[in-house]
Amino acid sequence: MFASQLPAGYKFSFTPYLFNTAKHRMSQANSGWVTYYWLKVKAKQVKAEWSVHIYEYEGRSPLSATFGGIEFDDSIKLKELTDLVLNASKEIISRQVNRISVTLPPQAYNNQRFVKAYQAFSDAGYSAFNSQVVASLTVSEHTFKSKIHKSEVKKIKKAEGLGFCFLVESVDSLFQFYELIAASRRTKGRNLSLTRSQLEEIISYQPDKFHLYSVRHNDKLVAAAICIRLSEEVFYVFYADHLKTYSSVSPIVQLYQGIYEDCQSKGVKILDFGTSPEGSTTNYSLLDFKEYLGSELSLKVTFVYNGGA
């Protein structure tokens, strides 16, 4: 059953990714959200949930995160999911909204859910507006070196031989990490998507979900990564880079090895290296590098509904 309000006593039959939790939505904006549900009344269960931020004439899911979209448990039927999208969209459009955009969680996280969500939005009259390639690595009992290209193994061995060390660090190092990554991106003509103060505010809502990793040489920070635990199974590399002056060593490969091994210890199943954008297209050399790290490719898709059209 479709509902625009959550009745008392209902429990969720699934766990959403961090970007779709109430805490993270509040870090994006503390007002303007509407949430819709599909309920299993007899069991008093929430089988699906979709939150959309409304501002003026546009609805967005997410407002400012890597993805938003509808989340649900595996037992929900495609027709039920489509009915949720149809009913929610009708209610959103009644608020004088003339455009709704929604970015689904990456296909690699759960292919069956991706297929259902993709088809539900398509059947509800949405159009696929944009797609990006996501590179993700399956975390298993096998070593990182056994998964990557032999050229990348050489880089790790070179860094280790020169005394470069991988470290797990605390959020107290955020300022230093942010400055290194931002400076490295500027040398490539790119800027980070968030200011440091914006990132600090987001982290303040759920600090236990953010993890910092480094590679240091003689105590000097030479490579840094800020990662997010999106779920029990998914770890997302949000920002990562190394100093340009150390490109001959490429310590970021050693950094990723350490992150992979930490994922193994935490029971994580998927290490998401993110997308590889270059304006409106793909940074093919960056994507090639991620494939050299053993990544498999999947899609992250954004749908759009033009209610005023």
C-alpha atoms as a PDB file:
ATOM      1  CA  MET A   1       0.000   0.000   0.000  1.00  0.00           C
ATOM      2  CA  PHE A   2       1.251   3.494  -0.910  1.00  0.00           C
ATOM      3  CA  ALA A   3       1.602   6.018   1.934  1.00  0.00           C
ATOM      4  CA  SER A   4       2.874   9.574   2.173  1.00  0.00           C
ATOM      5  CA  GLN A   5       3.067   9.379   5.967  1.00  0.00           C
ATOM      6  CA  LEU A   6       4.643   6.643   8.082  1.00  0.00           C
ATOM      7  CA  PRO A   7       2.106   5.130  10.501  1.00  0.00           C
ATOM      8  CA  ALA A   8       3.180   4.388  14.067  1.00  0.00           C
ATOM      9  CA  GLY A   9       4.454   0.908  14.810  1.00  0.00           C
ATOM     10  CA  TYR A  10       5.861   0.094  11.361  1.00  0.00           C
ATOM     11  CA  LYS A  11       9.371  -1.324  11.010  1.00  0.00           C
ATOM     12  CA  PHE A  12      11.668  -1.232   7.975  1.00  0.00           C
ATOM     13  CA  SER A  13      12.362  -4.584   6.314  1.00  0.00           C
ATOM     14  CA  PHE A  14      15.614  -3.258   4.766  1.00  0.00           C
ATOM     15  CA  THR A  15      18.540  -1.027   5.698  1.00  0.00           C
ATOM     16  CA  PRO A  16      19.123   1.999   3.423  1.00  0.00           C
ATOM     17  CA  TYR A  17      22.523   3.156   2.254  1.00  0.00           C
ATOM     18  CA  LEU A  18      23.980   6.015   4.269  1.00  0.00           C
ATOM     19  CA  PHE A  19      23.100   8.656   1.645  1.00  0.00           C
ATOM     20  CA  ASN A  20      19.416   7.805   2.062  1.00  0.00           C
ATOM     21  CA  THR A  21      19.327   7.853   5.858  1.00  0.00           C
ATOM     22  CA  ALA A  22      17.462  10.632   7.654  1.00  0.00           C
ATOM     23  CA  LYS A  23      20.709  11.887   9.209  1.00  0.00           C
ATOM     24  CA  HIS A  24      22.436  12.292   5.874  1.00  0.00           C
ATOM     25  CA  ARG A  25      19.409  13.949   4.311  1.00  0.00           C
ATOM     26  CA  MET A  26      19.507  16.505   7.120  1.00  0.00           C
ATOM     27  CA  SER A  27      23.178  17.160   6.328  1.00  0.00           C
ATOM     28  CA  GLN A  28      22.138  17.987   2.741  1.00  0.00           C
ATOM     29  CA  ALA A  29      19.275  20.274   3.824  1.00  0.00           C
ATOM     30  CA  ASN A  30      17.372  20.475   7.098  1.00  0.00           C
ATOM     31  CA  SER A  31      14.029  21.124   5.410  1.00  0.00           C
ATOM     32  CA  GLY A  32      12.190  20.603   2.134  1.00  0.00           C
ATOM     33  CA  TRP A  33      12.097  16.804   2.200  1.00  0.00           C
ATOM     34  CA  VAL A  34       9.082  14.631   1.388  1.00  0.00           C
ATOM     35  CA  THR A  35       9.169  10.863   1.888  1.00  0.00           C
ATOM     36  CA  TYR A  36       6.949   8.149   0.432  1.00  0.00           C
ATOM     37  CA  TYR A  37       6.516   4.520   1.470  1.00  0.00           C
ATOM     38  CA  TRP A  38       5.214   1.167   0.324  1.00  0.00           C
ATOM     39  CA  LEU A  39       3.706  -0.665   3.289  1.00  0.00           C
ATOM     40  CA  LYS A  40       2.875  -4.272   4.025  1.00  0.00           C
ATOM     41  CA  VAL A  41      -0.049  -3.554   6.306  1.00  0.00           C
ATOM     42  CA  LYS A  42      -0.620  -6.965   7.937  1.00  0.00           C
ATOM     43  CA  ALA A  43       3.026  -7.309   8.886  1.00  0.00           C
ATOM     44  CA  LYS A  44       3.354  -3.588   9.728  1.00  0.00           C
ATOM     45  CA  GLN A  45       6.473  -3.383   7.552  1.00  0.00           C
ATOM     46  CA  VAL A  46       7.941  -0.680   5.335  1.00  0.00           C
ATOM     47  CA  LYS A  47       8.928  -2.461   2.120  1.00  0.00           C
ATOM     48  CA  ALA A  48      10.200   0.587   0.201  1.00  0.00           C
ATOM     49  CA  GLU A  49      11.044   4.250   0.816  1.00  0.00           C
ATOM     50  CA  TRP A  50      11.788   7.211  -1.433  1.00  0.00           C
ATOM     51  CA  SER A  51      12.774  10.691  -0.229  1.00  0.00           C
ATOM     52  CA  VAL A  52      12.795  13.735  -2.503  1.00  0.00           C
ATOM     53  CA  HIS A  53      13.926  17.279  -1.785  1.00  0.00           C
ATOM     54  CA  ILE A  54      11.614  19.963  -3.164  1.00  0.00           C
ATOM     55  CA  TYR A  55      12.723  23.500  -3.821  1.00  0.00           C
ATOM     56  CA  GLU A  56      10.668  25.874  -5.935  1.00  0.00           C
ATOM     57  CA  TYR A  57       9.729  23.914  -9.073  1.00  0.00           C
ATOM     58  CA  GLU A  58      12.144  21.004  -8.830  1.00  0.00           C
ATOM     59  CA  GLY A  59      12.282  17.730  -6.925  1.00  0.00           C
ATOM     60  CA  ARG A  60      15.689  16.106  -6.454  1.00  0.00           C
ATOM     61  CA  SER A  61      16.849  12.759  -5.078  1.00  0.00           C
ATOM     62  CA  PRO A  62      19.494  13.326  -3.880  1.00  0.00           C
ATOM     63  CA  LEU A  63      19.890  17.039  -3.268  1.00  0.00           C
ATOM     64  CA  SER A  64      23.677  16.904  -2.850  1.00  0.00           C
ATOM     65  CA  ALA A  65      25.019  13.387  -2.467  1.00  0.00           C
ATOM     66  CA  THR A  66      26.506  10.777  -4.773  1.00  0.00           C
ATOM     67  CA  PHE A  67      23.131   9.096  -5.186  1.00  0.00           C
ATOM     68  CA  GLY A  68      19.642   9.011  -3.744  1.00  0.00           C
ATOM     69  CA  GLY A  69      16.867   6.979  -5.257  1.00  0.00           C
ATOM     70  CA  ILE A  70      14.332   4.515  -4.003  1.00  0.00           C
ATOM     71  CA  GLU A  71      15.357   1.783  -1.548  1.00  0.00           C
ATOM     72  CA  PHE A  72      13.483  -1.444  -0.885  1.00  0.00           C
ATOM     73  CA  ASP A  73      13.777  -5.049   0.163  1.00  0.00           C
ATOM     74  CA  ASP A  74      14.245  -7.868  -2.323  1.00  0.00           C
ATOM     75  CA  SER A  75      10.731  -9.269  -1.950  1.00  0.00           C
ATOM     76  CA  ILE A  76       8.907  -6.218  -3.350  1.00  0.00           C
ATOM     77  CA  LYS A  77       7.286  -6.757  -6.733  1.00  0.00           C
ATOM     78  CA  LEU A  78       8.080  -4.565  -9.732  1.00  0.00           C
ATOM     79  CA  LYS A  79       4.441  -3.476 -10.003  1.00  0.00           C
ATOM     80  CA  GLU A  80       4.437  -2.385  -6.344  1.00  0.00           C
ATOM     81  CA  LEU A  81       7.623  -0.396  -6.882  1.00  0.00           C
ATOM     82  CA  THR A  82       6.207   1.206 -10.024  1.00  0.00           C
ATOM     83  CA  ASP A  83       2.990   2.096  -8.199  1.00  0.00           C
ATOM     84  CA  LEU A  84       5.047   3.769  -5.480  1.00  0.00           C
ATOM     85  CA  VAL A  85       6.931   5.860  -8.053  1.00  0.00           C
ATOM     86  CA  LEU A  86       3.711   6.751  -9.905  1.00  0.00           C
ATOM     87  CA  ASN A  87       1.826   7.788  -6.760  1.00  0.00           C
ATOM     88  CA  ALA A  88       4.776   9.684  -5.304  1.00  0.00           C
ATOM     89  CA  SER A  89       5.410  11.509  -8.597  1.00  0.00           C
ATOM     90  CA  LYS A  90       1.757  12.518  -8.858  1.00  0.00           C
ATOM     91  CA  GLU A  91       1.860  13.938  -5.334  1.00  0.00           C
ATOM     92  CA  ILE A  92       5.140  15.777  -6.002  1.00  0.00           C
ATOM     93  CA  ILE A  93       3.798  17.301  -9.241  1.00  0.00           C
ATOM     94  CA  SER A  94       0.723  18.506  -7.325  1.00  0.00           C
ATOM     95  CA  ARG A  95       3.126  20.742  -5.374  1.00  0.00           C
ATOM     96  CA  GLN A  96       3.742  22.764  -8.565  1.00  0.00           C
ATOM     97  CA  VAL A  97       6.951  20.855  -9.261  1.00  0.00           C
ATOM     98  CA  ASN A  98       7.628  20.508 -12.986  1.00  0.00           C
ATOM     99  CA  ARG A  99      10.829  18.450 -12.929  1.00  0.00           C
ATOM    100  CA  ILE A 100      11.953  15.485 -10.819  1.00  0.00           C
ATOM    101  CA  SER A 101      15.456  13.994 -11.023  1.00  0.00           C
ATOM    102  CA  VAL A 102      16.601  10.824  -9.302  1.00  0.00           C
ATOM    103  CA  THR A 103      20.012   9.121  -9.262  1.00  0.00           C
ATOM    104  CA  LEU A 104      19.888   5.425  -8.424  1.00  0.00           C
ATOM    105  CA  PRO A 105      22.444   3.570  -6.292  1.00  0.00           C
ATOM    106  CA  PRO A 106      25.147   2.004  -8.500  1.00  0.00           C
ATOM    107  CA  GLN A 107      24.318  -1.208 -10.284  1.00  0.00           C
ATOM    108  CA  ALA A 108      27.259  -3.050  -8.695  1.00  0.00           C
ATOM    109  CA  TYR A 109      25.821  -2.741  -5.182  1.00  0.00           C
ATOM    110  CA  ASN A 110      22.879  -5.007  -5.998  1.00  0.00           C
ATOM    111  CA  ASN A 111      22.156  -5.790  -9.636  1.00  0.00           C
ATOM    112  CA  GLN A 112      18.634  -7.164  -9.036  1.00  0.00           C
ATOM    113  CA  ARG A 113      17.550  -4.056  -7.143  1.00  0.00           C
ATOM    114  CA  PHE A 114      19.117  -1.863  -9.813  1.00  0.00           C
ATOM    115  CA  VAL A 115      17.117  -3.638 -12.527  1.00  0.00           C
ATOM    116  CA  LYS A 116      13.859  -3.299 -10.592  1.00  0.00           C
ATOM    117  CA  ALA A 117      14.418   0.379  -9.809  1.00  0.00           C
ATOM    118  CA  TYR A 118      15.495   1.134 -13.380  1.00  0.00           C
ATOM    119  CA  GLN A 119      12.369  -0.469 -14.806  1.00  0.00           C
ATOM    120  CA  ALA A 120      10.045   1.046 -12.196  1.00  0.00           C
ATOM    121  CA  PHE A 121      11.107   4.584 -13.090  1.00  0.00           C
ATOM    122  CA  SER A 122      11.004   3.767 -16.802  1.00  0.00           C
ATOM    123  CA  ASP A 123       7.491   2.300 -16.499  1.00  0.00           C
ATOM    124  CA  ALA A 124       6.417   5.383 -14.515  1.00  0.00           C
ATOM    125  CA  GLY A 125       7.319   7.678 -17.414  1.00  0.00           C
ATOM    126  CA  TYR A 126      10.822   8.761 -16.419  1.00  0.00           C
ATOM    127  CA  SER A 127      13.610   9.014 -18.989  1.00  0.00           C
ATOM    128  CA  ALA A 128      17.236   8.003 -18.458  1.00  0.00           C
ATOM    129  CA  PHE A 129      18.940  11.406 -18.563  1.00  0.00           C
ATOM    130  CA  ASN A 130      22.540  10.553 -17.754  1.00  0.00           C
ATOM    131  CA  SER A 131      24.756   7.601 -16.869  1.00  0.00           C
ATOM    132  CA  GLN A 132      28.244   7.246 -15.447  1.00  0.00           C
ATOM    133  CA  VAL A 133      30.543   4.264 -15.182  1.00  0.00           C
ATOM    134  CA  VAL A 134      31.293   3.120 -11.639  1.00  0.00           C
ATOM    135  CA  ALA A 135      34.462   1.108 -10.950  1.00  0.00           C
ATOM    136  CA  SER A 136      34.204  -1.221  -7.968  1.00  0.00           C
ATOM    137  CA  LEU A 137      36.318  -4.030  -6.600  1.00  0.00           C
ATOM    138  CA  THR A 138      34.923  -7.207  -5.057  1.00  0.00           C
ATOM    139  CA  VAL A 139      36.503  -7.742  -1.632  1.00  0.00           C
ATOM    140  CA  SER A 140      37.240 -11.417  -1.020  1.00  0.00           C
ATOM    141  CA  GLU A 141      39.734 -13.652   0.758  1.00  0.00           C
ATOM    142  CA  HIS A 142      42.193 -13.096  -2.098  1.00  0.00           C
ATOM    143  CA  THR A 143      44.984 -10.547  -1.718  1.00  0.00           C
ATOM    144  CA  PHE A 144      44.909  -7.155  -3.377  1.00  0.00           C
ATOM    145  CA  LYS A 145      48.110  -7.964  -5.291  1.00  0.00           C
ATOM    146  CA  SER A 146      46.458 -11.059  -6.788  1.00  0.00           C
ATOM    147  CA  LYS A 147      43.653  -8.905  -8.239  1.00  0.00           C
ATOM    148  CA  ILE A 148      45.607  -6.053  -9.806  1.00  0.00           C
ATOM    149  CA  HIS A 149      47.722  -5.686 -12.943  1.00  0.00           C
ATOM    150  CA  LYS A 150      51.402  -6.662 -12.580  1.00  0.00           C
ATOM    151  CA  SER A 151      52.447  -3.059 -13.301  1.00  0.00           C
ATOM    152  CA  GLU A 152      50.509  -1.938 -10.209  1.00  0.00           C
ATOM    153  CA  VAL A 153      52.118  -4.666  -8.091  1.00  0.00           C
ATOM    154  CA  LYS A 154      55.508  -3.195  -9.026  1.00  0.00           C
ATOM    155  CA  LYS A 155      54.388   0.221  -7.767  1.00  0.00           C
ATOM    156  CA  ILE A 156      53.421  -1.221  -4.371  1.00  0.00           C
ATOM    157  CA  LYS A 157      56.730  -3.046  -4.049  1.00  0.00           C
ATOM    158  CA  LYS A 158      58.632   0.118  -5.003  1.00  0.00           C
ATOM    159  CA  ALA A 159      56.805   2.189  -2.382  1.00  0.00           C
ATOM    160  CA  GLU A 160      57.307  -0.450   0.300  1.00  0.00           C
ATOM    161  CA  GLY A 161      60.996  -0.758  -0.611  1.00  0.00           C
ATOM    162  CA  LEU A 162      61.466   3.010  -0.196  1.00  0.00           C
ATOM    163  CA  GLY A 163      59.889   2.919   3.271  1.00  0.00           C
ATOM    164  CA  PHE A 164      56.442   4.291   2.452  1.00  0.00           C
ATOM    165  CA  CYS A 165      53.942   3.259   5.146  1.00  0.00           C
ATOM    166  CA  PHE A 166      50.163   2.820   5.094  1.00  0.00           C
ATOM    167  CA  LEU A 167      48.251   4.147   8.116  1.00  0.00           C
ATOM    168  CA  VAL A 168      44.673   4.226   9.389  1.00  0.00           C
ATOM    169  CA  GLU A 169      44.129   7.728  10.748  1.00  0.00           C
ATOM    170  CA  SER A 170      41.490   9.609  12.731  1.00  0.00           C
ATOM    171  CA  VAL A 171      39.099  12.321  11.594  1.00  0.00           C
ATOM    172  CA  ASP A 172      41.369  14.747  13.457  1.00  0.00           C
ATOM    173  CA  SER A 173      43.596  14.624  10.355  1.00  0.00           C
ATOM    174  CA  LEU A 174      40.811  15.863   8.080  1.00  0.00           C
ATOM    175  CA  PHE A 175      42.280  19.344   7.522  1.00  0.00           C
ATOM    176  CA  GLN A 176      45.628  17.955   6.361  1.00  0.00           C
ATOM    177  CA  PHE A 177      43.950  15.319   4.210  1.00  0.00           C
ATOM    178  CA  TYR A 178      41.588  17.783   2.563  1.00  0.00           C
ATOM    179  CA  GLU A 179      44.377  20.227   1.765  1.00  0.00           C
ATOM    180  CA  LEU A 180      46.556  17.531   0.144  1.00  0.00           C
ATOM    181  CA  ILE A 181      43.714  16.167  -1.999  1.00  0.00           C
ATOM    182  CA  ALA A 182      42.478  19.639  -2.993  1.00  0.00           C
ATOM    183  CA  ALA A 183      46.005  20.740  -3.969  1.00  0.00           C
ATOM    184  CA  SER A 184      46.534  17.575  -5.993  1.00  0.00           C
ATOM    185  CA  ARG A 185      43.257  18.095  -7.840  1.00  0.00           C
ATOM    186  CA  ARG A 186      44.135  21.713  -8.624  1.00  0.00           C
ATOM    187  CA  THR A 187      47.309  20.582 -10.412  1.00  0.00           C
ATOM    188  CA  LYS A 188      44.975  18.628 -12.725  1.00  0.00           C
ATOM    189  CA  GLY A 189      42.679  21.599 -13.254  1.00  0.00           C
ATOM    190  CA  ARG A 190      39.892  20.206 -11.074  1.00  0.00           C
ATOM    191  CA  ASN A 191      38.244  21.234  -7.809  1.00  0.00           C
ATOM    192  CA  LEU A 192      36.637  19.176  -5.072  1.00  0.00           C
ATOM    193  CA  SER A 193      32.851  19.027  -4.999  1.00  0.00           C
ATOM    194  CA  LEU A 194      32.682  20.161  -1.355  1.00  0.00           C
ATOM    195  CA  THR A 195      34.458  22.872   0.617  1.00  0.00           C
ATOM    196  CA  ARG A 196      36.235  21.724   3.752  1.00  0.00           C
ATOM    197  CA  SER A 197      33.576  23.310   5.983  1.00  0.00           C
ATOM    198  CA  GLN A 198      30.810  21.543   4.040  1.00  0.00           C
ATOM    199  CA  LEU A 199      32.595  18.218   4.413  1.00  0.00           C
ATOM    200  CA  GLU A 200      33.169  18.806   8.120  1.00  0.00           C
ATOM    201  CA  GLU A 201      29.467  19.492   8.628  1.00  0.00           C
ATOM    202  CA  ILE A 202      28.450  16.307   6.783  1.00  0.00           C
ATOM    203  CA  ILE A 203      30.908  14.239   8.823  1.00  0.00           C
ATOM    204  CA  SER A 204      29.563  15.751  12.066  1.00  0.00           C
ATOM    205  CA  TYR A 205      26.203  14.031  11.510  1.00  0.00           C
ATOM    206  CA  GLN A 206      27.676  10.503  11.344  1.00  0.00           C
ATOM    207  CA  PRO A 207      31.405  10.618  12.155  1.00  0.00           C
ATOM    208  CA  ASP A 208      31.641   6.849  12.683  1.00  0.00           C
ATOM    209  CA  LYS A 209      30.834   6.286   8.985  1.00  0.00           C
ATOM    210  CA  PHE A 210      33.857   8.233   7.703  1.00  0.00           C
ATOM    211  CA  HIS A 211      37.308   6.620   7.577  1.00  0.00           C
ATOM    212  CA  LEU A 212      40.660   8.236   6.806  1.00  0.00           C
ATOM    213  CA  TYR A 213      43.683   6.424   5.377  1.00  0.00           C
ATOM    214  CA  SER A 214      47.149   7.616   4.439  1.00  0.00           C
ATOM    215  CA  VAL A 215      50.515   6.717   3.032  1.00  0.00           C
ATOM    216  CA  ARG A 216      53.397   8.560   4.681  1.00  0.00           C
ATOM    217  CA  HIS A 217      57.100   8.739   3.924  1.00  0.00           C
ATOM    218  CA  ASN A 218      59.349   9.789   6.815  1.00  0.00           C
ATOM    219  CA  ASP A 219      56.153  11.045   8.538  1.00  0.00           C
ATOM    220  CA  LYS A 220      55.261  13.223   5.554  1.00  0.00           C
ATOM    221  CA  LEU A 221      51.734  12.771   4.197  1.00  0.00           C
ATOM    222  CA  VAL A 222      52.097  11.806   0.530  1.00  0.00           C
ATOM    223  CA  ALA A 223      48.752  10.116  -0.218  1.00  0.00           C
ATOM    224  CA  ALA A 224      45.354  10.393   1.471  1.00  0.00           C
ATOM    225  CA  ALA A 225      41.856   8.955   1.178  1.00  0.00           C
ATOM    226  CA  ILE A 226      38.545   9.883   2.790  1.00  0.00           C
ATOM    227  CA  CYS A 227      36.175   6.906   2.638  1.00  0.00           C
ATOM    228  CA  ILE A 228      32.557   6.342   3.640  1.00  0.00           C
ATOM    229  CA  ARG A 229      30.958   3.160   5.013  1.00  0.00           C
ATOM    230  CA  LEU A 230      27.716   3.258   3.014  1.00  0.00           C
ATOM    231  CA  SER A 231      26.426  -0.038   4.409  1.00  0.00           C
ATOM    232  CA  GLU A 232      27.687  -3.202   6.047  1.00  0.00           C
ATOM    233  CA  GLU A 233      28.775  -4.414   2.608  1.00  0.00           C
ATOM    234  CA  VAL A 234      29.815  -1.250   0.735  1.00  0.00           C
ATOM    235  CA  PHE A 235      32.838   1.005   1.262  1.00  0.00           C
ATOM    236  CA  TYR A 236      33.083   4.127  -0.923  1.00  0.00           C
ATOM    237  CA  VAL A 237      36.307   5.999  -1.726  1.00  0.00           C
ATOM    238  CA  PHE A 238      34.936   9.542  -1.624  1.00  0.00           C
ATOM    239  CA  TYR A 239      38.147  11.544  -2.104  1.00  0.00           C
ATOM    240  CA  ALA A 240      41.656  10.159  -2.709  1.00  0.00           C
ATOM    241  CA  ASP A 241      44.877  11.400  -4.284  1.00  0.00           C
ATOM    242  CA  HIS A 242      48.649  11.662  -3.868  1.00  0.00           C
ATOM    243  CA  LEU A 243      51.133  14.495  -4.199  1.00  0.00           C
ATOM    244  CA  LYS A 244      52.188  15.111  -7.781  1.00  0.00           C
ATOM    245  CA  THR A 245      55.854  15.159  -6.751  1.00  0.00           C
ATOM    246  CA  TYR A 246      55.527  11.465  -5.813  1.00  0.00           C
ATOM    247  CA  SER A 247      53.974  10.349  -9.095  1.00  0.00           C
ATOM    248  CA  SER A 248      57.039   8.268  -9.963  1.00  0.00           C
ATOM    249  CA  VAL A 249      56.257   6.097  -6.925  1.00  0.00           C
ATOM    250  CA  SER A 250      52.452   6.286  -7.240  1.00  0.00           C
ATOM    251  CA  PRO A 251      51.783   5.738  -3.507  1.00  0.00           C
ATOM    252  CA  ILE A 252      48.013   5.769  -4.127  1.00  0.00           C
ATOM    253  CA  VAL A 253      48.261   2.122  -5.202  1.00  0.00           C
ATOM    254  CA  GLN A 254      49.769   1.201  -1.823  1.00  0.00           C
ATOM    255  CA  LEU A 255      47.026   3.328  -0.254  1.00  0.00           C
ATOM    256  CA  TYR A 256      44.316   1.323  -2.021  1.00  0.00           C
ATOM    257  CA  GLN A 257      45.953  -1.935  -0.955  1.00  0.00           C
ATOM    258  CA  GLY A 258      45.718  -0.841   2.676  1.00  0.00           C
ATOM    259  CA  ILE A 259      42.073   0.192   2.280  1.00  0.00           C
ATOM    260  CA  TYR A 260      41.271  -3.153   0.651  1.00  0.00           C
ATOM    261  CA  GLU A 261      42.883  -5.037   3.534  1.00  0.00           C
ATOM    262  CA  ASP A 262      40.953  -2.955   6.063  1.00  0.00           C
ATOM    263  CA  CYS A 263      37.751  -3.790   4.145  1.00  0.00           C
ATOM    264  CA  GLN A 264      38.653  -7.477   4.448  1.00  0.00           C
ATOM    265  CA  SER A 265      38.949  -7.110   8.231  1.00  0.00           C
ATOM    266  CA  LYS A 266      35.592  -5.284   8.427  1.00  0.00           C
ATOM    267  CA  GLY A 267      33.654  -7.817   6.357  1.00  0.00           C
ATOM    268  CA  VAL A 268      33.049  -5.353   3.509  1.00  0.00           C
ATOM    269  CA  LYS A 269      32.120  -6.963   0.171  1.00  0.00           C
ATOM    270  CA  ILE A 270      32.409  -4.048  -2.292  1.00  0.00           C
ATOM    271  CA  LEU A 271      35.070  -1.336  -2.499  1.00  0.00           C
ATOM    272  CA  ASP A 272      33.683   1.446  -4.689  1.00  0.00           C
ATOM    273  CA  PHE A 273      36.310   3.596  -6.433  1.00  0.00           C
ATOM    274  CA  GLY A 274      33.567   5.874  -7.766  1.00  0.00           C
ATOM    275  CA  THR A 275      33.003   7.356 -11.210  1.00  0.00           C
ATOM    276  CA  SER A 276      35.589   8.874 -13.556  1.00  0.00           C
ATOM    277  CA  PRO A 277      33.992  12.048 -14.927  1.00  0.00           C
ATOM    278  CA  GLU A 278      35.618  14.500 -17.308  1.00  0.00           C
ATOM    279  CA  GLY A 279      33.076  17.237 -17.885  1.00  0.00           C
ATOM    280  CA  SER A 280      30.085  15.612 -19.558  1.00  0.00           C
ATOM    281  CA  THR A 281      32.041  12.519 -20.640  1.00  0.00           C
ATOM    282  CA  THR A 282      34.471  10.002 -19.103  1.00  0.00           C
ATOM    283  CA  ASN A 283      38.096  10.358 -18.018  1.00  0.00           C
ATOM    284  CA  TYR A 284      39.229   7.243 -19.857  1.00  0.00           C
ATOM    285  CA  SER A 285      42.784   7.158 -18.493  1.00  0.00           C
ATOM    286  CA  LEU A 286      41.481   7.325 -14.908  1.00  0.00           C
ATOM    287  CA  LEU A 287      38.993   4.561 -15.671  1.00  0.00           C
ATOM    288  CA  ASP A 288      41.785   2.452 -17.179  1.00  0.00           C
ATOM    289  CA  PHE A 289      43.769   2.887 -13.955  1.00  0.00           C
ATOM    290  CA  LYS A 290      40.798   1.703 -11.871  1.00  0.00           C
ATOM    291  CA  GLU A 291      40.425  -1.337 -14.121  1.00  0.00           C
ATOM    292  CA  TYR A 292      44.138  -2.046 -13.559  1.00  0.00           C
ATOM    293  CA  LEU A 293      43.204  -2.233  -9.868  1.00  0.00           C
ATOM    294  CA  GLY A 294      40.916  -5.162 -10.639  1.00  0.00           C
ATOM    295  CA  SER A 295      37.698  -3.171 -10.795  1.00  0.00           C
ATOM    296  CA  GLU A 296      34.565  -4.314 -12.536  1.00  0.00           C
ATOM    297  CA  LEU A 297      32.381  -1.728 -14.268  1.00  0.00           C
ATOM    298  CA  SER A 298      28.709  -0.962 -13.706  1.00  0.00           C
ATOM    299  CA  LEU A 299      26.373   1.989 -14.208  1.00  0.00           C
ATOM    300  CA  LYS A 300      25.011   4.811 -12.082  1.00  0.00           C
ATOM    301  CA  VAL A 301      21.935   6.228 -13.813  1.00  0.00           C
ATOM    302  CA  THR A 302      20.008   9.473 -13.376  1.00  0.00           C
ATOM    303  CA  PHE A 303      16.346   9.585 -14.416  1.00  0.00           C
ATOM    304  CA  VAL A 304      14.302  12.695 -15.107  1.00  0.00           C
ATOM    305  CA  TYR A 305      10.542  13.283 -15.154  1.00  0.00           C
ATOM    306  CA  ASN A 306       9.246  16.473 -16.723  1.00  0.00           C
ATOM    307  CA  GLY A 307       5.809  16.934 -15.236  1.00  0.00           C
ATOM    308  CA  GLY A 308       5.140  20.169 -17.070  1.00  0.00           C
ATOM    309  CA  ALA A 309       5.990  18.750 -20.465  1.00  0.00           C
END
